[in-house]
N, C-alpha and C. Protein backbone atom coordinates (compact mmCIF):
# COMPACT_ATOMS: atom_id res chain seq x y z
N UNK A 1 16.88 4.97 -0.79
CA UNK A 1 16.92 5.95 -1.86
C UNK A 1 15.48 6.31 -2.23
N UNK A 2 15.08 7.57 -2.19
CA UNK A 2 13.73 7.99 -2.55
C UNK A 2 13.41 7.64 -4.00
N UNK A 3 12.16 7.39 -4.23
CA UNK A 3 11.68 6.98 -5.54
C UNK A 3 10.86 8.12 -6.13
N UNK A 4 10.99 8.34 -7.44
CA UNK A 4 10.28 9.45 -8.08
C UNK A 4 8.76 9.31 -8.00
N UNK A 5 8.22 8.09 -7.87
CA UNK A 5 6.76 7.94 -7.79
C UNK A 5 6.24 8.35 -6.42
N UNK A 6 7.10 8.48 -5.43
CA UNK A 6 6.64 8.85 -4.09
C UNK A 6 5.90 10.18 -4.10
N UNK A 7 6.35 11.12 -4.91
CA UNK A 7 5.70 12.43 -4.94
C UNK A 7 4.37 12.38 -5.69
N UNK A 8 4.12 11.32 -6.42
CA UNK A 8 2.89 11.22 -7.20
C UNK A 8 1.79 10.47 -6.45
N UNK A 9 2.06 10.04 -5.22
CA UNK A 9 1.13 9.14 -4.58
C UNK A 9 0.59 9.62 -3.24
N UNK A 10 0.60 10.88 -3.01
CA UNK A 10 -0.01 11.40 -1.80
C UNK A 10 -0.42 12.83 -2.05
N UNK A 11 -1.58 13.15 -1.61
CA UNK A 11 -2.05 14.52 -1.73
C UNK A 11 -2.10 15.10 -0.33
N UNK A 12 -0.98 15.69 0.10
CA UNK A 12 -0.90 16.16 1.48
C UNK A 12 -2.03 17.12 1.84
N UNK A 13 -2.47 17.93 0.90
CA UNK A 13 -3.55 18.86 1.23
C UNK A 13 -4.82 18.10 1.59
N UNK A 14 -5.04 16.95 1.01
CA UNK A 14 -6.20 16.13 1.35
C UNK A 14 -5.88 15.26 2.55
N UNK A 15 -4.77 14.56 2.49
CA UNK A 15 -4.42 13.60 3.53
C UNK A 15 -4.17 14.25 4.89
N UNK A 16 -3.57 15.42 4.92
CA UNK A 16 -3.30 16.08 6.20
C UNK A 16 -4.56 16.59 6.88
N UNK A 17 -5.60 16.81 6.11
CA UNK A 17 -6.87 17.25 6.68
C UNK A 17 -7.78 16.09 7.05
N UNK A 18 -7.39 14.90 6.65
CA UNK A 18 -8.21 13.71 6.82
C UNK A 18 -8.38 13.36 8.30
N UNK A 19 -9.57 13.02 8.68
CA UNK A 19 -9.86 12.59 10.05
C UNK A 19 -10.06 11.08 10.13
N UNK A 20 -9.95 10.39 8.98
CA UNK A 20 -10.25 8.96 8.93
C UNK A 20 -9.06 8.08 9.27
N UNK A 21 -7.87 8.48 8.92
CA UNK A 21 -6.66 7.80 9.35
C UNK A 21 -6.34 6.47 8.71
N UNK A 22 -5.88 6.49 7.45
CA UNK A 22 -5.49 5.24 6.80
C UNK A 22 -4.22 4.68 7.41
N UNK A 23 -3.53 5.45 8.21
CA UNK A 23 -2.30 5.00 8.86
C UNK A 23 -2.59 4.31 10.19
N UNK A 24 -3.86 4.16 10.51
CA UNK A 24 -4.26 3.48 11.73
C UNK A 24 -5.00 2.20 11.35
N UNK A 25 -4.72 1.15 12.07
CA UNK A 25 -5.35 -0.15 11.83
C UNK A 25 -5.10 -0.69 10.43
N UNK A 26 -3.96 -0.35 9.88
CA UNK A 26 -3.53 -0.88 8.58
C UNK A 26 -2.12 -1.41 8.74
N UNK A 27 -1.88 -2.52 8.14
CA UNK A 27 -0.55 -3.13 8.23
C UNK A 27 -0.10 -3.44 6.81
N UNK A 28 0.44 -2.42 6.12
CA UNK A 28 0.83 -2.61 4.72
C UNK A 28 1.93 -3.65 4.58
N UNK A 29 1.74 -4.59 3.65
CA UNK A 29 2.75 -5.63 3.46
C UNK A 29 4.06 -5.07 2.92
N UNK A 30 5.14 -5.72 3.33
CA UNK A 30 6.48 -5.30 2.92
C UNK A 30 7.22 -6.46 2.29
N UNK A 31 7.78 -6.22 1.13
CA UNK A 31 8.67 -7.21 0.52
C UNK A 31 10.02 -7.11 1.23
N UNK A 32 10.85 -8.09 1.03
CA UNK A 32 12.20 -8.05 1.58
C UNK A 32 12.94 -6.82 1.06
N UNK A 33 12.75 -6.53 -0.22
CA UNK A 33 13.40 -5.38 -0.84
C UNK A 33 12.93 -4.06 -0.21
N UNK A 34 11.61 -3.92 0.02
CA UNK A 34 11.09 -2.68 0.62
C UNK A 34 11.61 -2.53 2.04
N UNK A 35 11.69 -3.61 2.79
CA UNK A 35 12.25 -3.54 4.15
C UNK A 35 13.69 -3.04 4.10
N UNK A 36 14.48 -3.54 3.16
CA UNK A 36 15.87 -3.11 3.03
C UNK A 36 15.94 -1.62 2.70
N UNK A 37 15.07 -1.17 1.79
CA UNK A 37 15.04 0.25 1.41
C UNK A 37 14.69 1.11 2.62
N UNK A 38 13.70 0.69 3.39
CA UNK A 38 13.31 1.44 4.59
C UNK A 38 14.43 1.43 5.62
N UNK A 39 15.05 0.27 5.83
CA UNK A 39 16.17 0.19 6.79
C UNK A 39 17.30 1.12 6.38
N UNK A 40 17.61 1.17 5.09
CA UNK A 40 18.66 2.09 4.62
C UNK A 40 18.25 3.54 4.89
N UNK A 41 16.98 3.86 4.67
CA UNK A 41 16.47 5.21 4.92
C UNK A 41 16.58 5.55 6.41
N UNK A 42 16.32 4.57 7.26
CA UNK A 42 16.36 4.81 8.70
C UNK A 42 17.78 5.01 9.24
N UNK A 43 18.79 4.78 8.42
CA UNK A 43 20.18 5.00 8.83
C UNK A 43 20.55 6.48 8.76
N UNK A 44 19.68 7.28 8.16
CA UNK A 44 19.94 8.72 8.09
C UNK A 44 19.83 9.31 9.49
N UNK A 45 20.63 10.35 9.78
CA UNK A 45 20.58 10.97 11.12
C UNK A 45 19.16 11.40 11.50
N UNK A 46 18.78 11.05 12.71
CA UNK A 46 17.49 11.46 13.24
C UNK A 46 16.32 10.60 12.81
N UNK A 47 16.57 9.50 12.14
CA UNK A 47 15.45 8.67 11.68
C UNK A 47 15.50 7.23 12.18
N UNK A 48 16.42 6.90 13.07
CA UNK A 48 16.52 5.51 13.51
C UNK A 48 15.31 5.11 14.34
N UNK A 49 15.07 3.81 14.38
CA UNK A 49 13.93 3.27 15.09
C UNK A 49 14.31 1.87 15.55
N UNK A 50 14.01 1.53 16.81
CA UNK A 50 14.45 0.25 17.37
C UNK A 50 13.82 -0.96 16.68
N UNK A 51 12.52 -1.03 16.59
CA UNK A 51 11.83 -2.19 16.03
C UNK A 51 10.80 -1.74 15.00
N UNK A 52 11.25 -1.43 13.79
CA UNK A 52 10.33 -0.87 12.80
C UNK A 52 9.39 -1.88 12.13
N UNK A 53 9.69 -3.19 12.25
CA UNK A 53 8.90 -4.17 11.52
C UNK A 53 8.36 -5.27 12.43
N UNK A 54 7.25 -5.84 11.99
CA UNK A 54 6.62 -6.95 12.68
C UNK A 54 6.28 -7.99 11.63
N UNK A 55 5.88 -9.17 12.09
CA UNK A 55 5.55 -10.24 11.13
C UNK A 55 4.43 -11.10 11.71
N UNK A 56 3.41 -11.33 10.89
CA UNK A 56 2.31 -12.24 11.23
C UNK A 56 1.77 -12.79 9.91
N UNK A 57 2.50 -13.74 9.35
CA UNK A 57 2.16 -14.27 8.04
C UNK A 57 2.77 -13.46 6.91
N UNK A 58 3.06 -12.22 7.17
CA UNK A 58 3.75 -11.32 6.24
C UNK A 58 4.38 -10.21 7.06
N UNK A 59 5.37 -9.53 6.51
CA UNK A 59 6.04 -8.43 7.21
C UNK A 59 5.29 -7.12 6.98
N UNK A 60 5.27 -6.28 8.01
CA UNK A 60 4.61 -4.98 7.94
C UNK A 60 5.24 -4.05 8.98
N UNK A 61 5.01 -2.73 8.83
CA UNK A 61 5.52 -1.81 9.85
C UNK A 61 4.85 -2.07 11.20
N UNK A 62 5.63 -1.98 12.25
CA UNK A 62 5.10 -2.14 13.60
C UNK A 62 4.03 -1.07 13.85
N UNK A 63 3.08 -1.37 14.71
CA UNK A 63 2.06 -0.39 15.08
C UNK A 63 2.19 -0.05 16.56
N UNK A 64 1.77 1.16 16.91
CA UNK A 64 1.84 1.57 18.31
C UNK A 64 0.60 1.09 19.07
N UNK A 65 0.48 1.47 20.33
CA UNK A 65 -0.63 1.02 21.18
C UNK A 65 -2.00 1.42 20.65
N UNK A 66 -2.05 2.51 19.88
CA UNK A 66 -3.32 2.97 19.31
C UNK A 66 -3.56 2.42 17.91
N UNK A 67 -2.66 1.57 17.44
CA UNK A 67 -2.82 0.96 16.13
C UNK A 67 -2.26 1.77 14.98
N UNK A 68 -1.55 2.88 15.29
CA UNK A 68 -0.95 3.69 14.23
C UNK A 68 0.37 3.09 13.78
N UNK A 69 0.64 3.19 12.51
CA UNK A 69 1.93 2.80 11.94
C UNK A 69 3.03 3.59 12.65
N UNK A 70 4.13 2.92 13.00
CA UNK A 70 5.22 3.61 13.70
C UNK A 70 5.84 4.72 12.88
N UNK A 71 5.62 4.71 11.58
CA UNK A 71 6.20 5.74 10.73
C UNK A 71 5.28 6.96 10.58
N UNK A 72 4.09 6.90 11.14
CA UNK A 72 3.13 8.01 11.05
C UNK A 72 3.42 9.02 12.17
N UNK A 73 3.64 10.27 11.80
CA UNK A 73 3.87 11.33 12.76
C UNK A 73 2.52 11.96 13.08
N UNK A 74 2.02 11.75 14.28
CA UNK A 74 0.69 12.24 14.66
C UNK A 74 0.61 13.76 14.72
N UNK A 75 1.74 14.42 14.97
CA UNK A 75 1.73 15.89 15.02
C UNK A 75 1.63 16.49 13.63
N UNK A 76 2.45 16.01 12.70
CA UNK A 76 2.46 16.58 11.35
C UNK A 76 1.46 15.89 10.42
N UNK A 77 0.96 14.73 10.86
CA UNK A 77 0.05 13.90 10.05
C UNK A 77 0.72 13.49 8.74
N UNK A 78 2.02 13.26 8.81
CA UNK A 78 2.76 12.84 7.63
C UNK A 78 3.57 11.60 7.93
N UNK A 79 3.88 10.90 6.87
CA UNK A 79 4.68 9.69 6.95
C UNK A 79 6.16 10.07 7.09
N UNK A 80 6.82 9.52 8.08
CA UNK A 80 8.24 9.82 8.30
C UNK A 80 9.13 9.16 7.26
N UNK A 81 8.59 8.20 6.53
CA UNK A 81 9.35 7.53 5.48
C UNK A 81 8.67 7.72 4.13
N UNK A 82 8.01 8.84 3.95
CA UNK A 82 7.22 9.08 2.74
C UNK A 82 7.97 8.76 1.45
N UNK A 83 9.21 9.13 1.37
CA UNK A 83 9.98 8.92 0.13
C UNK A 83 10.22 7.45 -0.18
N UNK A 84 10.12 6.58 0.83
CA UNK A 84 10.37 5.15 0.63
C UNK A 84 9.24 4.27 1.18
N UNK A 85 8.08 4.83 1.33
CA UNK A 85 6.97 4.12 1.97
C UNK A 85 6.54 2.87 1.19
N UNK A 86 5.83 1.96 1.87
CA UNK A 86 5.39 0.71 1.23
C UNK A 86 4.54 0.93 -0.02
N UNK A 87 4.57 -0.07 -0.88
CA UNK A 87 3.85 0.01 -2.16
C UNK A 87 2.35 0.26 -1.98
N UNK A 88 1.72 -0.42 -1.02
CA UNK A 88 0.28 -0.21 -0.86
C UNK A 88 -0.03 1.19 -0.33
N UNK A 89 0.89 1.78 0.41
CA UNK A 89 0.70 3.16 0.86
C UNK A 89 0.79 4.10 -0.34
N UNK A 90 1.69 3.82 -1.25
CA UNK A 90 1.82 4.61 -2.48
C UNK A 90 0.58 4.46 -3.35
N UNK A 91 0.03 3.25 -3.36
CA UNK A 91 -1.12 2.94 -4.22
C UNK A 91 -2.43 3.48 -3.66
N UNK A 92 -2.52 3.62 -2.34
CA UNK A 92 -3.78 4.01 -1.71
C UNK A 92 -4.36 5.27 -2.31
N UNK A 93 -5.64 5.32 -2.42
CA UNK A 93 -6.71 4.46 -1.93
C UNK A 93 -7.12 3.34 -2.90
N UNK A 94 -6.21 2.97 -3.78
CA UNK A 94 -6.48 1.85 -4.67
C UNK A 94 -5.90 0.60 -4.04
N UNK A 95 -6.67 -0.45 -4.07
CA UNK A 95 -6.25 -1.72 -3.51
C UNK A 95 -6.51 -2.82 -4.53
N UNK A 96 -6.29 -4.05 -4.16
CA UNK A 96 -6.37 -5.13 -5.14
C UNK A 96 -6.85 -6.43 -4.52
N UNK A 97 -7.20 -7.35 -5.38
CA UNK A 97 -7.47 -8.73 -5.01
C UNK A 97 -7.04 -9.56 -6.20
N UNK A 98 -6.87 -10.84 -5.99
CA UNK A 98 -6.53 -11.76 -7.07
C UNK A 98 -7.67 -12.73 -7.26
N UNK A 99 -8.19 -12.78 -8.47
CA UNK A 99 -9.27 -13.70 -8.81
C UNK A 99 -8.63 -14.93 -9.45
N UNK A 100 -8.61 -16.01 -8.70
CA UNK A 100 -7.97 -17.25 -9.17
C UNK A 100 -8.70 -17.83 -10.37
N UNK A 101 -10.03 -17.67 -10.43
CA UNK A 101 -10.81 -18.24 -11.53
C UNK A 101 -10.51 -17.56 -12.86
N UNK A 102 -10.41 -16.23 -12.83
CA UNK A 102 -10.18 -15.49 -14.07
C UNK A 102 -8.70 -15.26 -14.34
N UNK A 103 -7.85 -15.56 -13.34
CA UNK A 103 -6.40 -15.34 -13.45
C UNK A 103 -6.09 -13.86 -13.63
N UNK A 104 -6.84 -13.03 -12.91
CA UNK A 104 -6.70 -11.57 -13.03
C UNK A 104 -6.38 -10.95 -11.67
N UNK A 105 -5.68 -9.84 -11.72
CA UNK A 105 -5.57 -8.98 -10.55
C UNK A 105 -6.68 -7.95 -10.73
N UNK A 106 -7.50 -7.81 -9.71
CA UNK A 106 -8.63 -6.88 -9.77
C UNK A 106 -8.28 -5.64 -8.96
N UNK A 107 -8.63 -4.49 -9.52
CA UNK A 107 -8.31 -3.20 -8.90
C UNK A 107 -9.57 -2.63 -8.27
N UNK A 108 -9.43 -2.12 -7.04
CA UNK A 108 -10.55 -1.56 -6.30
C UNK A 108 -10.19 -0.17 -5.79
N UNK A 109 -11.19 0.69 -5.71
CA UNK A 109 -11.02 2.03 -5.13
C UNK A 109 -11.82 2.06 -3.84
N UNK A 110 -11.22 2.56 -2.78
CA UNK A 110 -11.94 2.71 -1.52
C UNK A 110 -13.04 3.75 -1.71
N UNK A 111 -14.04 3.70 -0.86
CA UNK A 111 -15.13 4.66 -0.97
C UNK A 111 -14.76 5.96 -0.25
N UNK A 112 -15.40 7.06 -0.64
CA UNK A 112 -15.15 8.33 0.05
C UNK A 112 -15.46 8.26 1.55
N UNK A 113 -16.32 7.32 1.93
CA UNK A 113 -16.68 7.14 3.34
C UNK A 113 -15.44 6.83 4.19
N UNK A 114 -14.46 6.12 3.60
CA UNK A 114 -13.28 5.76 4.36
C UNK A 114 -12.01 6.46 3.89
N UNK A 115 -12.10 7.22 2.78
CA UNK A 115 -10.90 7.92 2.28
C UNK A 115 -11.30 9.16 1.49
N UNK A 116 -10.90 10.31 1.99
CA UNK A 116 -11.22 11.57 1.30
C UNK A 116 -10.56 11.65 -0.07
N UNK A 117 -9.35 11.13 -0.19
CA UNK A 117 -8.66 11.14 -1.48
C UNK A 117 -9.42 10.29 -2.50
N UNK A 118 -9.98 9.18 -2.06
CA UNK A 118 -10.79 8.34 -2.95
C UNK A 118 -11.97 9.13 -3.49
N UNK A 119 -12.57 9.97 -2.65
CA UNK A 119 -13.67 10.80 -3.10
C UNK A 119 -13.25 11.76 -4.20
N UNK A 120 -12.09 12.38 -4.04
CA UNK A 120 -11.59 13.29 -5.07
C UNK A 120 -11.26 12.54 -6.35
N UNK A 121 -10.63 11.38 -6.23
CA UNK A 121 -10.28 10.59 -7.41
C UNK A 121 -11.52 10.11 -8.15
N UNK A 122 -12.56 9.73 -7.42
CA UNK A 122 -13.77 9.23 -8.07
C UNK A 122 -14.51 10.33 -8.83
N UNK A 123 -14.21 11.58 -8.52
CA UNK A 123 -14.84 12.71 -9.20
C UNK A 123 -14.02 13.23 -10.38
N UNK A 124 -12.80 12.72 -10.57
CA UNK A 124 -11.91 13.23 -11.61
C UNK A 124 -11.29 12.06 -12.37
N UNK A 125 -11.86 11.72 -13.52
CA UNK A 125 -11.39 10.56 -14.29
C UNK A 125 -9.92 10.64 -14.67
N UNK A 126 -9.43 11.82 -14.99
CA UNK A 126 -8.03 11.97 -15.39
C UNK A 126 -7.10 11.67 -14.23
N UNK A 127 -7.38 12.27 -13.06
CA UNK A 127 -6.54 12.00 -11.89
C UNK A 127 -6.65 10.54 -11.46
N UNK A 128 -7.84 9.97 -11.57
CA UNK A 128 -8.01 8.57 -11.21
C UNK A 128 -7.16 7.69 -12.12
N UNK A 129 -7.20 7.91 -13.42
CA UNK A 129 -6.40 7.12 -14.35
C UNK A 129 -4.90 7.26 -14.07
N UNK A 130 -4.46 8.49 -13.82
CA UNK A 130 -3.04 8.73 -13.52
C UNK A 130 -2.63 7.99 -12.25
N UNK A 131 -3.46 8.10 -11.22
CA UNK A 131 -3.14 7.45 -9.95
C UNK A 131 -3.23 5.93 -10.10
N UNK A 132 -4.19 5.45 -10.86
CA UNK A 132 -4.33 4.01 -11.07
C UNK A 132 -3.09 3.45 -11.76
N UNK A 133 -2.52 4.17 -12.70
CA UNK A 133 -1.29 3.71 -13.36
C UNK A 133 -0.15 3.55 -12.36
N UNK A 134 0.01 4.52 -11.47
CA UNK A 134 1.04 4.44 -10.43
C UNK A 134 0.72 3.29 -9.48
N UNK A 135 -0.54 3.19 -9.08
CA UNK A 135 -0.96 2.13 -8.14
C UNK A 135 -0.72 0.74 -8.72
N UNK A 136 -1.06 0.56 -9.99
CA UNK A 136 -0.83 -0.74 -10.62
C UNK A 136 0.64 -1.10 -10.59
N UNK A 137 1.49 -0.17 -10.95
CA UNK A 137 2.94 -0.42 -10.96
C UNK A 137 3.42 -0.81 -9.57
N UNK A 138 2.99 -0.08 -8.56
CA UNK A 138 3.42 -0.35 -7.19
C UNK A 138 2.89 -1.69 -6.69
N UNK A 139 1.63 -1.96 -6.92
CA UNK A 139 1.04 -3.20 -6.41
C UNK A 139 1.60 -4.41 -7.16
N UNK A 140 1.82 -4.29 -8.46
CA UNK A 140 2.42 -5.41 -9.19
C UNK A 140 3.84 -5.69 -8.68
N UNK A 141 4.58 -4.62 -8.35
CA UNK A 141 5.90 -4.79 -7.75
C UNK A 141 5.78 -5.57 -6.43
N UNK A 142 4.77 -5.22 -5.65
CA UNK A 142 4.53 -5.88 -4.37
C UNK A 142 4.18 -7.35 -4.55
N UNK A 143 3.18 -7.65 -5.37
CA UNK A 143 2.73 -9.04 -5.46
C UNK A 143 3.78 -9.93 -6.12
N UNK A 144 4.61 -9.36 -6.97
CA UNK A 144 5.70 -10.13 -7.56
C UNK A 144 6.83 -10.34 -6.55
N UNK A 145 7.01 -9.40 -5.63
CA UNK A 145 8.10 -9.46 -4.66
C UNK A 145 7.81 -10.22 -3.39
N UNK A 146 6.52 -10.45 -3.09
CA UNK A 146 6.17 -11.20 -1.89
C UNK A 146 6.34 -12.69 -2.12
N UNK A 147 6.68 -13.42 -1.05
CA UNK A 147 6.70 -14.87 -1.19
C UNK A 147 5.26 -15.38 -1.17
N UNK A 148 5.06 -16.63 -1.54
CA UNK A 148 3.69 -17.15 -1.69
C UNK A 148 2.92 -17.15 -0.38
N UNK A 149 3.58 -17.45 0.75
CA UNK A 149 2.89 -17.44 2.04
C UNK A 149 2.38 -16.04 2.38
N UNK A 150 3.23 -15.06 2.21
CA UNK A 150 2.84 -13.68 2.52
C UNK A 150 1.70 -13.23 1.61
N UNK A 151 1.79 -13.54 0.32
CA UNK A 151 0.74 -13.13 -0.60
C UNK A 151 -0.58 -13.81 -0.25
N UNK A 152 -0.55 -15.09 0.06
CA UNK A 152 -1.79 -15.78 0.45
C UNK A 152 -2.39 -15.17 1.72
N UNK A 153 -1.52 -14.82 2.66
CA UNK A 153 -1.99 -14.22 3.92
C UNK A 153 -2.69 -12.88 3.67
N UNK A 154 -2.08 -12.02 2.88
CA UNK A 154 -2.71 -10.71 2.68
C UNK A 154 -3.97 -10.81 1.82
N UNK A 155 -4.06 -11.82 0.96
CA UNK A 155 -5.28 -11.98 0.15
C UNK A 155 -6.47 -12.39 1.00
N UNK A 156 -6.23 -12.85 2.22
CA UNK A 156 -7.32 -13.21 3.14
C UNK A 156 -7.89 -11.99 3.87
N UNK A 157 -7.19 -10.88 3.80
CA UNK A 157 -7.61 -9.67 4.52
C UNK A 157 -8.75 -9.01 3.75
N UNK A 158 -9.87 -8.83 4.42
CA UNK A 158 -11.04 -8.20 3.79
C UNK A 158 -10.77 -6.72 3.55
N UNK A 159 -11.26 -6.24 2.44
CA UNK A 159 -11.17 -4.81 2.09
C UNK A 159 -12.58 -4.27 1.94
N UNK A 160 -13.24 -3.95 3.05
CA UNK A 160 -14.61 -3.43 2.95
C UNK A 160 -14.62 -2.01 2.37
N UNK A 161 -15.78 -1.60 1.96
CA UNK A 161 -15.97 -0.24 1.46
C UNK A 161 -15.06 0.08 0.28
N UNK A 162 -15.04 -0.83 -0.69
CA UNK A 162 -14.32 -0.61 -1.94
C UNK A 162 -15.23 -1.00 -3.09
N UNK A 163 -14.90 -0.53 -4.28
CA UNK A 163 -15.62 -0.96 -5.47
C UNK A 163 -14.63 -1.18 -6.60
N UNK A 164 -14.95 -2.18 -7.43
CA UNK A 164 -14.05 -2.59 -8.49
C UNK A 164 -13.99 -1.54 -9.59
N UNK A 165 -12.74 -1.23 -10.03
CA UNK A 165 -12.56 -0.24 -11.10
C UNK A 165 -11.81 -0.81 -12.29
N UNK A 166 -11.42 -2.09 -12.22
CA UNK A 166 -10.75 -2.69 -13.36
C UNK A 166 -10.07 -3.98 -13.00
N UNK A 167 -9.45 -4.58 -14.02
CA UNK A 167 -8.70 -5.82 -13.82
C UNK A 167 -7.67 -5.97 -14.93
N UNK A 168 -6.63 -6.75 -14.64
CA UNK A 168 -5.57 -7.03 -15.60
C UNK A 168 -5.13 -8.47 -15.42
N UNK A 169 -4.49 -9.01 -16.46
CA UNK A 169 -3.93 -10.35 -16.36
C UNK A 169 -2.84 -10.37 -15.30
N UNK A 170 -2.77 -11.48 -14.58
CA UNK A 170 -1.71 -11.65 -13.59
C UNK A 170 -0.41 -12.00 -14.29
N UNK A 171 0.70 -11.48 -13.80
CA UNK A 171 1.99 -11.90 -14.34
C UNK A 171 2.19 -13.40 -14.12
N UNK A 172 2.88 -14.06 -15.04
CA UNK A 172 3.11 -15.50 -14.96
C UNK A 172 3.76 -15.89 -13.64
N UNK A 173 4.72 -15.08 -13.16
CA UNK A 173 5.39 -15.43 -11.91
C UNK A 173 4.44 -15.48 -10.72
N UNK A 174 3.38 -14.67 -10.75
CA UNK A 174 2.39 -14.69 -9.68
C UNK A 174 1.49 -15.92 -9.83
N UNK A 175 1.10 -16.23 -11.07
CA UNK A 175 0.32 -17.45 -11.33
C UNK A 175 1.08 -18.67 -10.81
N UNK A 176 2.36 -18.73 -11.12
CA UNK A 176 3.19 -19.85 -10.66
C UNK A 176 3.31 -19.87 -9.14
N UNK A 177 3.54 -18.70 -8.55
CA UNK A 177 3.71 -18.60 -7.10
C UNK A 177 2.47 -19.10 -6.36
N UNK A 178 1.29 -18.80 -6.91
CA UNK A 178 0.03 -19.19 -6.27
C UNK A 178 -0.50 -20.52 -6.80
N UNK A 179 0.27 -21.17 -7.67
CA UNK A 179 -0.12 -22.46 -8.26
C UNK A 179 -1.48 -22.36 -8.95
N UNK A 180 -1.64 -21.31 -9.73
CA UNK A 180 -2.87 -21.12 -10.51
C UNK A 180 -2.60 -21.64 -11.92
N UNK A 181 -3.37 -22.62 -12.31
CA UNK A 181 -3.22 -23.23 -13.65
C UNK A 181 -4.00 -22.47 -14.69
């Protein structure tokens, strides 16, 4: 079932012109719930896919030989599952880390060097705040929905070319999941 925030999290006019390709060499984490939502979406006529998911410490969309997400249409430069895409795809170009010492989730924005949309957001405080609100909601849904092994695995993935734009308290369930006192 498509989600109303899906339309708020992609700027096709920017993303379709992008030559950098966030859909390549990225393996967005998937909760069990997101996988179910995507599988239900793939039951629609003309959208089936044999092996849409892979797992290496956490679940993510399978990638093709060139490293592109299997849901990325190279001709249209659009996501075939845009209405139900993963939380980090909805949140992009905002990403996160968890600071165990401060018990905070830290929010980061990618640099314009790696994301044209990040460049536009960094120039417009209002759009950045609006997008950050959506990104926070999506990422908090993700980190609360992942099991502890998956969350620990993705926290090891380096996010170069980003800068910190804020932080918030971690939900208690995430503190408990990560055994943070």
